[in-house]
Amino acid sequence: SIYLIGGRSIPEEDGGKLYNTCTVFGPDGAMLAKHRKVH
């Protein structure tokens, strides 16, 4: 029952591209945000 920031949890694969991605999950387990490294 916490807010969890998943670091760069994984190299994310999407549509043939790879992203450096951080996911955030809320106390109910739902994903609240997905940040792809901008720079």
PDB file of all heavy atoms in Angstrom:
ATOM      1  N   SER A   1       0.821  -1.207   0.000  1.00  0.00           N
ATOM      2  CA  SER A   1       0.000   0.000   0.000  1.00  0.00           C
ATOM      3  C   SER A   1       0.859   1.263   0.000  1.00  0.00           C
ATOM      4  O   SER A   1       0.720   2.144   0.843  1.00  0.00           O
ATOM      5  CB  SER A   1      -0.954   0.006   1.210  1.00  0.00           C
ATOM      6  OG  SER A   1      -1.916   1.029   1.075  1.00  0.00           O
ATOM      7  N   ILE A   2       1.755   1.336  -1.001  1.00  0.00           N
ATOM      8  CA  ILE A   2       2.681   2.466  -1.117  1.00  0.00           C
ATOM      9  C   ILE A   2       2.650   3.011  -2.541  1.00  0.00           C
ATOM     10  O   ILE A   2       2.079   2.409  -3.452  1.00  0.00           O
ATOM     11  CB  ILE A   2       4.125   2.044  -0.784  1.00  0.00           C
ATOM     12  CG1 ILE A   2       4.560   0.895  -1.735  1.00  0.00           C
ATOM     13  CG2 ILE A   2       4.278   1.662   0.683  1.00  0.00           C
ATOM     14  CD1 ILE A   2       6.035   0.602  -1.694  1.00  0.00           C
ATOM     15  N   TYR A   3       3.306   4.151  -2.710  1.00  0.00           N
ATOM     16  CA  TYR A   3       3.605   4.678  -4.038  1.00  0.00           C
ATOM     17  C   TYR A   3       5.010   4.219  -4.388  1.00  0.00           C
ATOM     18  O   TYR A   3       5.960   4.496  -3.651  1.00  0.00           O
ATOM     19  CB  TYR A   3       3.499   6.204  -4.049  1.00  0.00           C
ATOM     20  CG  TYR A   3       2.078   6.678  -3.902  1.00  0.00           C
ATOM     21  CD1 TYR A   3       1.523   6.853  -2.637  1.00  0.00           C
ATOM     22  CD2 TYR A   3       1.277   6.917  -5.010  1.00  0.00           C
ATOM     23  CE1 TYR A   3       0.204   7.256  -2.483  1.00  0.00           C
ATOM     24  CE2 TYR A   3      -0.050   7.325  -4.871  1.00  0.00           C
ATOM     25  CZ  TYR A   3      -0.570   7.491  -3.604  1.00  0.00           C
ATOM     26  OH  TYR A   3      -1.874   7.883  -3.453  1.00  0.00           O
ATOM     27  N   LEU A   4       5.155   3.513  -5.503  1.00  0.00           N
ATOM     28  CA  LEU A   4       6.426   2.901  -5.874  1.00  0.00           C
ATOM     29  C   LEU A   4       6.900   3.450  -7.213  1.00  0.00           C
ATOM     30  O   LEU A   4       6.235   3.292  -8.234  1.00  0.00           O
ATOM     31  CB  LEU A   4       6.277   1.378  -5.945  1.00  0.00           C
ATOM     32  CG  LEU A   4       7.517   0.581  -6.370  1.00  0.00           C
ATOM     33  CD1 LEU A   4       8.690   0.850  -5.433  1.00  0.00           C
ATOM     34  CD2 LEU A   4       7.198  -0.910  -6.418  1.00  0.00           C
ATOM     35  N   ILE A   5       8.085   4.087  -7.190  1.00  0.00           N
ATOM     36  CA  ILE A   5       8.714   4.600  -8.407  1.00  0.00           C
ATOM     37  C   ILE A   5       9.721   3.556  -8.854  1.00  0.00           C
ATOM     38  O   ILE A   5      10.677   3.257  -8.132  1.00  0.00           O
ATOM     39  CB  ILE A   5       9.406   5.958  -8.168  1.00  0.00           C
ATOM     40  CG1 ILE A   5       8.354   7.016  -7.815  1.00  0.00           C
ATOM     41  CG2 ILE A   5      10.174   6.404  -9.402  1.00  0.00           C
ATOM     42  CD1 ILE A   5       8.148   7.215  -6.345  1.00  0.00           C
ATOM     43  N   GLY A   6       9.499   2.983 -10.018  1.00  0.00           N
ATOM     44  CA  GLY A   6      10.257   1.820 -10.446  1.00  0.00           C
ATOM     45  C   GLY A   6      11.546   2.098 -11.157  1.00  0.00           C
ATOM     46  O   GLY A   6      11.933   1.352 -12.058  1.00  0.00           O
ATOM     47  N   GLY A   7      12.228   3.173 -10.821  1.00  0.00           N
ATOM     48  CA  GLY A   7      13.512   3.451 -11.435  1.00  0.00           C
ATOM     49  C   GLY A   7      13.399   3.419 -12.940  1.00  0.00           C
ATOM     50  O   GLY A   7      12.365   3.724 -13.502  1.00  0.00           O
ATOM     51  N   ARG A   8      14.477   3.079 -13.615  1.00  0.00           N
ATOM     52  CA  ARG A   8      14.296   2.700 -15.003  1.00  0.00           C
ATOM     53  C   ARG A   8      14.024   1.217 -14.926  1.00  0.00           C
ATOM     54  O   ARG A   8      14.930   0.384 -15.071  1.00  0.00           O
ATOM     55  CB  ARG A   8      15.516   2.972 -15.864  1.00  0.00           C
ATOM     56  CG  ARG A   8      15.158   2.665 -17.335  1.00  0.00           C
ATOM     57  CD  ARG A   8      16.325   2.450 -18.167  1.00  0.00           C
ATOM     58  NE  ARG A   8      16.992   1.219 -17.718  1.00  0.00           N
ATOM     59  CZ  ARG A   8      17.916   0.625 -18.433  1.00  0.00           C
ATOM     60  NH1 ARG A   8      18.291   1.115 -19.574  1.00  0.00           N
ATOM     61  NH2 ARG A   8      18.483  -0.469 -17.991  1.00  0.00           N
ATOM     62  N   SER A   9      12.776   0.904 -14.616  1.00  0.00           N
ATOM     63  CA  SER A   9      12.450  -0.474 -14.291  1.00  0.00           C
ATOM     64  C   SER A   9      12.943  -1.408 -15.368  1.00  0.00           C
ATOM     65  O   SER A   9      13.423  -2.493 -15.100  1.00  0.00           O
ATOM     66  CB  SER A   9      10.943  -0.638 -14.101  1.00  0.00           C
ATOM     67  OG  SER A   9      10.242  -0.330 -15.278  1.00  0.00           O
ATOM     68  N   ILE A  10      12.808  -0.999 -16.611  1.00  0.00           N
ATOM     69  CA  ILE A  10      13.224  -1.864 -17.709  1.00  0.00           C
ATOM     70  C   ILE A  10      13.587  -1.013 -18.913  1.00  0.00           C
ATOM     71  O   ILE A  10      13.117   0.113 -19.049  1.00  0.00           O
ATOM     72  CB  ILE A  10      12.096  -2.836 -18.135  1.00  0.00           C
ATOM     73  CG1 ILE A  10      10.865  -2.048 -18.583  1.00  0.00           C
ATOM     74  CG2 ILE A  10      11.755  -3.809 -17.051  1.00  0.00           C
ATOM     75  CD1 ILE A  10       9.786  -2.887 -19.205  1.00  0.00           C
ATOM     76  N   PRO A  11      14.432  -1.546 -19.795  1.00  0.00           N
ATOM     77  CA  PRO A  11      14.450  -0.992 -21.144  1.00  0.00           C
ATOM     78  C   PRO A  11      13.108  -1.392 -21.774  1.00  0.00           C
ATOM     79  O   PRO A  11      12.815  -2.581 -21.878  1.00  0.00           O
ATOM     80  CB  PRO A  11      15.623  -1.709 -21.824  1.00  0.00           C
ATOM     81  CG  PRO A  11      16.407  -2.347 -20.714  1.00  0.00           C
ATOM     82  CD  PRO A  11      15.410  -2.631 -19.630  1.00  0.00           C
ATOM     83  N   GLU A  12      12.312  -0.424 -22.141  1.00  0.00           N
ATOM     84  CA  GLU A  12      10.967  -0.710 -22.650  1.00  0.00           C
ATOM     85  C   GLU A  12      10.992  -0.878 -24.165  1.00  0.00           C
ATOM     86  O   GLU A  12      11.550  -0.042 -24.885  1.00  0.00           O
ATOM     87  CB  GLU A  12      10.015   0.430 -22.293  1.00  0.00           C
ATOM     88  CG  GLU A  12       8.599   0.211 -22.805  1.00  0.00           C
ATOM     89  CD  GLU A  12       7.772   1.475 -22.830  1.00  0.00           C
ATOM     90  OE1 GLU A  12       8.297   2.552 -22.509  1.00  0.00           O
ATOM     91  OE2 GLU A  12       6.576   1.374 -23.191  1.00  0.00           O
ATOM     92  N   GLU A  13      10.349  -1.944 -24.651  1.00  0.00           N
ATOM     93  CA  GLU A  13      10.196  -2.149 -26.087  1.00  0.00           C
ATOM     94  C   GLU A  13       8.773  -1.790 -26.478  1.00  0.00           C
ATOM     95  O   GLU A  13       7.812  -2.253 -25.876  1.00  0.00           O
ATOM     96  CB  GLU A  13      10.496  -3.607 -26.452  1.00  0.00           C
ATOM     97  CG  GLU A  13      10.608  -3.857 -27.960  1.00  0.00           C
ATOM     98  CD  GLU A  13       9.267  -3.982 -28.667  1.00  0.00           C
ATOM     99  OE1 GLU A  13       8.357  -4.611 -28.085  1.00  0.00           O
ATOM    100  OE2 GLU A  13       9.119  -3.443 -29.779  1.00  0.00           O
ATOM    101  N   ASP A  14       8.648  -0.926 -27.482  1.00  0.00           N
ATOM    102  CA  ASP A  14       7.323  -0.515 -27.936  1.00  0.00           C
ATOM    103  C   ASP A  14       7.418  -0.117 -29.400  1.00  0.00           C
ATOM    104  O   ASP A  14       8.175   0.795 -29.747  1.00  0.00           O
ATOM    105  CB  ASP A  14       6.812   0.658 -27.097  1.00  0.00           C
ATOM    106  CG  ASP A  14       5.385   1.055 -27.475  1.00  0.00           C
ATOM    107  OD1 ASP A  14       4.620   0.194 -27.938  1.00  0.00           O
ATOM    108  OD2 ASP A  14       5.048   2.243 -27.307  1.00  0.00           O
ATOM    109  N   GLY A  15       6.681  -0.805 -30.241  1.00  0.00           N
ATOM    110  CA  GLY A  15       6.640  -0.469 -31.661  1.00  0.00           C
ATOM    111  C   GLY A  15       7.985  -0.567 -32.349  1.00  0.00           C
ATOM    112  O   GLY A  15       8.273   0.215 -33.266  1.00  0.00           O
ATOM    113  N   GLY A  16       8.811  -1.493 -31.920  1.00  0.00           N
ATOM    114  CA  GLY A  16      10.120  -1.661 -32.536  1.00  0.00           C
ATOM    115  C   GLY A  16      11.184  -0.721 -32.011  1.00  0.00           C
ATOM    116  O   GLY A  16      12.332  -0.772 -32.463  1.00  0.00           O
ATOM    117  N   LYS A  17      10.832   0.139 -31.068  1.00  0.00           N
ATOM    118  CA  LYS A  17      11.789   1.066 -30.474  1.00  0.00           C
ATOM    119  C   LYS A  17      12.032   0.702 -29.011  1.00  0.00           C
ATOM    120  O   LYS A  17      11.192   0.078 -28.366  1.00  0.00           O
ATOM    121  CB  LYS A  17      11.283   2.503 -30.565  1.00  0.00           C
ATOM    122  CG  LYS A  17      11.179   3.048 -31.982  1.00  0.00           C
ATOM    123  CD  LYS A  17      10.721   4.500 -31.972  1.00  0.00           C
ATOM    124  CE  LYS A  17      10.667   5.070 -33.392  1.00  0.00           C
ATOM    125  NZ  LYS A  17      10.228   6.499 -33.382  1.00  0.00           N
ATOM    126  N   LEU A  18      13.186   1.112 -28.494  1.00  0.00           N
ATOM    127  CA  LEU A  18      13.525   0.906 -27.091  1.00  0.00           C
ATOM    128  C   LEU A  18      13.577   2.253 -26.372  1.00  0.00           C
ATOM    129  O   LEU A  18      14.071   3.246 -26.924  1.00  0.00           O
ATOM    130  CB  LEU A  18      14.887   0.208 -26.955  1.00  0.00           C
ATOM    131  CG  LEU A  18      15.019  -1.192 -27.555  1.00  0.00           C
ATOM    132  CD1 LEU A  18      16.431  -1.708 -27.360  1.00  0.00           C
ATOM    133  CD2 LEU A  18      14.012  -2.148 -26.932  1.00  0.00           C
ATOM    134  N   TYR A  19      13.053   2.276 -25.149  1.00  0.00           N
ATOM    135  CA  TYR A  19      13.037   3.488 -24.340  1.00  0.00           C
ATOM    136  C   TYR A  19      13.607   3.185 -22.947  1.00  0.00           C
ATOM    137  O   TYR A  19      13.509   2.068 -22.446  1.00  0.00           O
ATOM    138  CB  TYR A  19      11.603   4.018 -24.175  1.00  0.00           C
ATOM    139  CG  TYR A  19      10.921   4.365 -25.472  1.00  0.00           C
ATOM    140  CD1 TYR A  19      10.149   3.419 -26.141  1.00  0.00           C
ATOM    141  CD2 TYR A  19      11.042   5.640 -26.026  1.00  0.00           C
ATOM    142  CE1 TYR A  19       9.521   3.734 -27.338  1.00  0.00           C
ATOM    143  CE2 TYR A  19      10.415   5.955 -27.224  1.00  0.00           C
ATOM    144  CZ  TYR A  19       9.650   4.991 -27.875  1.00  0.00           C
ATOM    145  OH  TYR A  19       9.037   5.315 -29.059  1.00  0.00           O
ATOM    146  N   ASN A  20      14.185   4.196 -22.348  1.00  0.00           N
ATOM    147  CA  ASN A  20      14.623   4.137 -20.949  1.00  0.00           C
ATOM    148  C   ASN A  20      13.440   4.634 -20.126  1.00  0.00           C
ATOM    149  O   ASN A  20      13.147   5.836 -20.100  1.00  0.00           O
ATOM    150  CB  ASN A  20      15.846   5.044 -20.776  1.00  0.00           C
ATOM    151  CG  ASN A  20      16.443   4.984 -19.388  1.00  0.00           C
ATOM    152  OD1 ASN A  20      15.763   4.690 -18.419  1.00  0.00           O
ATOM    153  ND2 ASN A  20      17.722   5.312 -19.289  1.00  0.00           N
ATOM    154  N   THR A  21      12.734   3.722 -19.461  1.00  0.00           N
ATOM    155  CA  THR A  21      11.406   4.024 -18.939  1.00  0.00           C
ATOM    156  C   THR A  21      11.286   3.794 -17.440  1.00  0.00           C
ATOM    157  O   THR A  21      11.738   2.775 -16.924  1.00  0.00           O
ATOM    158  CB  THR A  21      10.342   3.167 -19.667  1.00  0.00           C
ATOM    159  OG1 THR A  21      10.423   3.432 -21.075  1.00  0.00           O
ATOM    160  CG2 THR A  21       8.949   3.477 -19.176  1.00  0.00           C
ATOM    161  N   CYS A  22      10.653   4.744 -16.765  1.00  0.00           N
ATOM    162  CA  CYS A  22      10.363   4.649 -15.334  1.00  0.00           C
ATOM    163  C   CYS A  22       8.852   4.573 -15.153  1.00  0.00           C
ATOM    164  O   CYS A  22       8.107   5.400 -15.688  1.00  0.00           O
ATOM    165  CB  CYS A  22      10.912   5.884 -14.620  1.00  0.00           C
ATOM    166  SG  CYS A  22      10.445   6.022 -12.890  1.00  0.00           S
ATOM    167  N   THR A  23       8.398   3.571 -14.400  1.00  0.00           N
ATOM    168  CA  THR A  23       6.968   3.428 -14.124  1.00  0.00           C
ATOM    169  C   THR A  23       6.678   3.737 -12.660  1.00  0.00           C
ATOM    170  O   THR A  23       7.526   3.555 -11.792  1.00  0.00           O
ATOM    171  CB  THR A  23       6.497   1.998 -14.438  1.00  0.00           C
ATOM    172  OG1 THR A  23       7.352   1.068 -13.764  1.00  0.00           O
ATOM    173  CG2 THR A  23       6.546   1.720 -15.928  1.00  0.00           C
ATOM    174  N   VAL A  24       5.459   4.196 -12.398  1.00  0.00           N
ATOM    175  CA  VAL A  24       5.023   4.515 -11.034  1.00  0.00           C
ATOM    176  C   VAL A  24       3.720   3.782 -10.756  1.00  0.00           C
ATOM    177  O   VAL A  24       2.792   3.818 -11.581  1.00  0.00           O
ATOM    178  CB  VAL A  24       4.795   6.026 -10.852  1.00  0.00           C
ATOM    179  CG1 VAL A  24       4.332   6.331  -9.431  1.00  0.00           C
ATOM    180  CG2 VAL A  24       6.063   6.814 -11.171  1.00  0.00           C
ATOM    181  N   PHE A  25       3.660   3.128  -9.603  1.00  0.00           N
ATOM    182  CA  PHE A  25       2.453   2.386  -9.211  1.00  0.00           C
ATOM    183  C   PHE A  25       1.932   2.910  -7.882  1.00  0.00           C
ATOM    184  O   PHE A  25       2.701   3.253  -6.979  1.00  0.00           O
ATOM    185  CB  PHE A  25       2.766   0.891  -9.107  1.00  0.00           C
ATOM    186  CG  PHE A  25       3.134   0.280 -10.427  1.00  0.00           C
ATOM    187  CD1 PHE A  25       4.457   0.211 -10.822  1.00  0.00           C
ATOM    188  CD2 PHE A  25       2.158  -0.178 -11.289  1.00  0.00           C
ATOM    189  CE1 PHE A  25       4.807  -0.319 -12.052  1.00  0.00           C
ATOM    190  CE2 PHE A  25       2.490  -0.706 -12.532  1.00  0.00           C
ATOM    191  CZ  PHE A  25       3.822  -0.780 -12.911  1.00  0.00           C
ATOM    192  N   GLY A  26       0.591   2.974  -7.785  1.00  0.00           N
ATOM    193  CA  GLY A  26      -0.052   3.457  -6.573  1.00  0.00           C
ATOM    194  C   GLY A  26      -0.361   2.340  -5.604  1.00  0.00           C
ATOM    195  O   GLY A  26      -0.137   1.158  -5.887  1.00  0.00           O
ATOM    196  N   PRO A  27      -0.920   2.693  -4.443  1.00  0.00           N
ATOM    197  CA  PRO A  27      -1.215   1.700  -3.398  1.00  0.00           C
ATOM    198  C   PRO A  27      -2.212   0.618  -3.821  1.00  0.00           C
ATOM    199  O   PRO A  27      -2.286  -0.423  -3.175  1.00  0.00           O
ATOM    200  CB  PRO A  27      -1.791   2.554  -2.268  1.00  0.00           C
ATOM    201  CG  PRO A  27      -1.280   3.928  -2.505  1.00  0.00           C
ATOM    202  CD  PRO A  27      -1.189   4.068  -3.994  1.00  0.00           C
ATOM    203  N   ASP A  28      -2.963   0.868  -4.895  1.00  0.00           N
ATOM    204  CA  ASP A  28      -3.886  -0.159  -5.394  1.00  0.00           C
ATOM    205  C   ASP A  28      -3.271  -0.996  -6.505  1.00  0.00           C
ATOM    206  O   ASP A  28      -3.929  -1.856  -7.086  1.00  0.00           O
ATOM    207  CB  ASP A  28      -5.182   0.481  -5.883  1.00  0.00           C
ATOM    208  CG  ASP A  28      -4.968   1.459  -7.029  1.00  0.00           C
ATOM    209  OD1 ASP A  28      -3.787   1.720  -7.395  1.00  0.00           O
ATOM    210  OD2 ASP A  28      -5.969   1.972  -7.566  1.00  0.00           O
ATOM    211  N   GLY A  29      -1.997  -0.735  -6.818  1.00  0.00           N
ATOM    212  CA  GLY A  29      -1.310  -1.474  -7.864  1.00  0.00           C
ATOM    213  C   GLY A  29      -1.482  -0.909  -9.260  1.00  0.00           C
ATOM    214  O   GLY A  29      -0.876  -1.420 -10.217  1.00  0.00           O
ATOM    215  N   ALA A  30      -2.281   0.143  -9.410  1.00  0.00           N
ATOM    216  CA  ALA A  30      -2.492   0.736 -10.728  1.00  0.00           C
ATOM    217  C   ALA A  30      -1.281   1.582 -11.140  1.00  0.00           C
ATOM    218  O   ALA A  30      -0.653   2.228 -10.302  1.00  0.00           O
ATOM    219  CB  ALA A  30      -3.743   1.606 -10.727  1.00  0.00           C
ATOM    220  N   MET A  31      -0.961   1.578 -12.436  1.00  0.00           N
ATOM    221  CA  MET A  31       0.137   2.406 -12.937  1.00  0.00           C
ATOM    222  C   MET A  31      -0.329   3.851 -13.060  1.00  0.00           C
ATOM    223  O   MET A  31      -1.296   4.153 -13.751  1.00  0.00           O
ATOM    224  CB  MET A  31       0.648   1.896 -14.284  1.00  0.00           C
ATOM    225  CG  MET A  31       1.912   2.609 -14.740  1.00  0.00           C
ATOM    226  SD  MET A  31       2.753   1.776 -16.130  1.00  0.00           S
ATOM    227  CE  MET A  31       1.564   2.087 -17.440  1.00  0.00           C
ATOM    228  N   LEU A  32       0.374   4.753 -12.382  1.00  0.00           N
ATOM    229  CA  LEU A  32       0.001   6.164 -12.339  1.00  0.00           C
ATOM    230  C   LEU A  32       0.764   7.004 -13.357  1.00  0.00           C
ATOM    231  O   LEU A  32       0.288   8.061 -13.764  1.00  0.00           O
ATOM    232  CB  LEU A  32       0.254   6.727 -10.937  1.00  0.00           C
ATOM    233  CG  LEU A  32      -0.470   6.039  -9.780  1.00  0.00           C
ATOM    234  CD1 LEU A  32      -0.078   6.705  -8.461  1.00  0.00           C
ATOM    235  CD2 LEU A  32      -1.969   6.085  -9.981  1.00  0.00           C
ATOM    236  N   ALA A  33       1.961   6.560 -13.709  1.00  0.00           N
ATOM    237  CA  ALA A  33       2.778   7.338 -14.644  1.00  0.00           C
ATOM    238  C   ALA A  33       3.785   6.419 -15.306  1.00  0.00           C
ATOM    239  O   ALA A  33       4.170   5.378 -14.761  1.00  0.00           O
ATOM    240  CB  ALA A  33       3.509   8.463 -13.910  1.00  0.00           C
ATOM    241  N   LYS A  34       4.188   6.814 -16.515  1.00  0.00           N
ATOM    242  CA  LYS A  34       5.240   6.110 -17.239  1.00  0.00           C
ATOM    243  C   LYS A  34       6.114   7.161 -17.900  1.00  0.00           C
ATOM    244  O   LYS A  34       5.692   7.803 -18.855  1.00  0.00           O
ATOM    245  CB  LYS A  34       4.640   5.156 -18.280  1.00  0.00           C
ATOM    246  CG  LYS A  34       5.687   4.332 -19.018  1.00  0.00           C
ATOM    247  CD  LYS A  34       5.057   3.329 -19.979  1.00  0.00           C
ATOM    248  CE  LYS A  34       4.539   3.972 -21.229  1.00  0.00           C
ATOM    249  NZ  LYS A  34       4.157   2.969 -22.258  1.00  0.00           N
ATOM    250  N   HIS A  35       7.316   7.340 -17.364  1.00  0.00           N
ATOM    251  CA  HIS A  35       8.206   8.378 -17.886  1.00  0.00           C
ATOM    252  C   HIS A  35       9.293   7.763 -18.752  1.00  0.00           C
ATOM    253  O   HIS A  35      10.067   6.925 -18.301  1.00  0.00           O
ATOM    254  CB  HIS A  35       8.862   9.165 -16.743  1.00  0.00           C
ATOM    255  CG  HIS A  35       9.784  10.250 -17.241  1.00  0.00           C
ATOM    256  ND1 HIS A  35       9.311  11.401 -17.837  1.00  0.00           N
ATOM    257  CD2 HIS A  35      11.144  10.340 -17.266  1.00  0.00           C
ATOM    258  CE1 HIS A  35      10.329  12.164 -18.191  1.00  0.00           C
ATOM    259  NE2 HIS A  35      11.456  11.542 -17.864  1.00  0.00           N
ATOM    260  N   ARG A  36       9.328   8.189 -20.003  1.00  0.00           N
ATOM    261  CA  ARG A  36      10.404   7.806 -20.903  1.00  0.00           C
ATOM    262  C   ARG A  36      11.464   8.905 -20.887  1.00  0.00           C
ATOM    263  O   ARG A  36      11.135  10.067 -21.112  1.00  0.00           O
ATOM    264  CB  ARG A  36       9.859   7.601 -22.314  1.00  0.00           C
ATOM    265  CG  ARG A  36       8.969   6.363 -22.447  1.00  0.00           C
ATOM    266  CD  ARG A  36       8.282   6.317 -23.802  1.00  0.00           C
ATOM    267  NE  ARG A  36       7.627   5.006 -24.019  1.00  0.00           N
ATOM    268  CZ  ARG A  36       6.820   4.747 -25.037  1.00  0.00           C
ATOM    269  NH1 ARG A  36       6.559   5.701 -25.937  1.00  0.00           N
ATOM    270  NH2 ARG A  36       6.268   3.556 -25.161  1.00  0.00           N
ATOM    271  N   LYS A  37      12.693   8.508 -20.629  1.00  0.00           N
ATOM    272  CA  LYS A  37      13.796   9.470 -20.521  1.00  0.00           C
ATOM    273  C   LYS A  37      13.802  10.413 -21.723  1.00  0.00           C
ATOM    274  O   LYS A  37      13.851   9.984 -22.875  1.00  0.00           O
ATOM    275  CB  LYS A  37      15.118   8.704 -20.436  1.00  0.00           C
ATOM    276  CG  LYS A  37      16.337   9.554 -20.109  1.00  0.00           C
ATOM    277  CD  LYS A  37      17.537   8.622 -19.916  1.00  0.00           C
ATOM    278  CE  LYS A  37      18.754   9.359 -19.400  1.00  0.00           C
ATOM    279  NZ  LYS A  37      19.875   8.405 -19.158  1.00  0.00           N
ATOM    280  N   VAL A  38      13.739  11.709 -21.436  1.00  0.00           N
ATOM    281  CA  VAL A  38      13.590  12.719 -22.477  1.00  0.00           C
ATOM    282  C   VAL A  38      14.933  13.047 -23.129  1.00  0.00           C
ATOM    283  O   VAL A  38      15.037  13.197 -24.354  1.00  0.00           O
ATOM    284  CB  VAL A  38      12.941  13.990 -21.891  1.00  0.00           C
ATOM    285  CG1 VAL A  38      12.964  15.136 -22.892  1.00  0.00           C
ATOM    286  CG2 VAL A  38      11.509  13.691 -21.444  1.00  0.00           C
ATOM    287  N   HIS A  39      15.969  13.173 -22.314  1.00  0.00           N
ATOM    288  CA  HIS A  39      17.295  13.571 -22.791  1.00  0.00           C
ATOM    289  C   HIS A  39      18.216  12.351 -22.758  1.00  0.00           C
ATOM    290  O   HIS A  39      18.507  11.821 -21.686  1.00  0.00           O
ATOM    291  CB  HIS A  39      17.866  14.684 -21.923  1.00  0.00           C
ATOM    292  CG  HIS A  39      16.974  15.882 -21.812  1.00  0.00           C
ATOM    293  ND1 HIS A  39      16.065  16.033 -20.780  1.00  0.00           N
ATOM    294  CD2 HIS A  39      16.833  16.959 -22.617  1.00  0.00           C
ATOM    295  CE1 HIS A  39      15.419  17.176 -20.949  1.00  0.00           C
ATOM    296  NE2 HIS A  39      15.862  17.747 -22.055  1.00  0.00           N
TER     297      HIS A  39
END
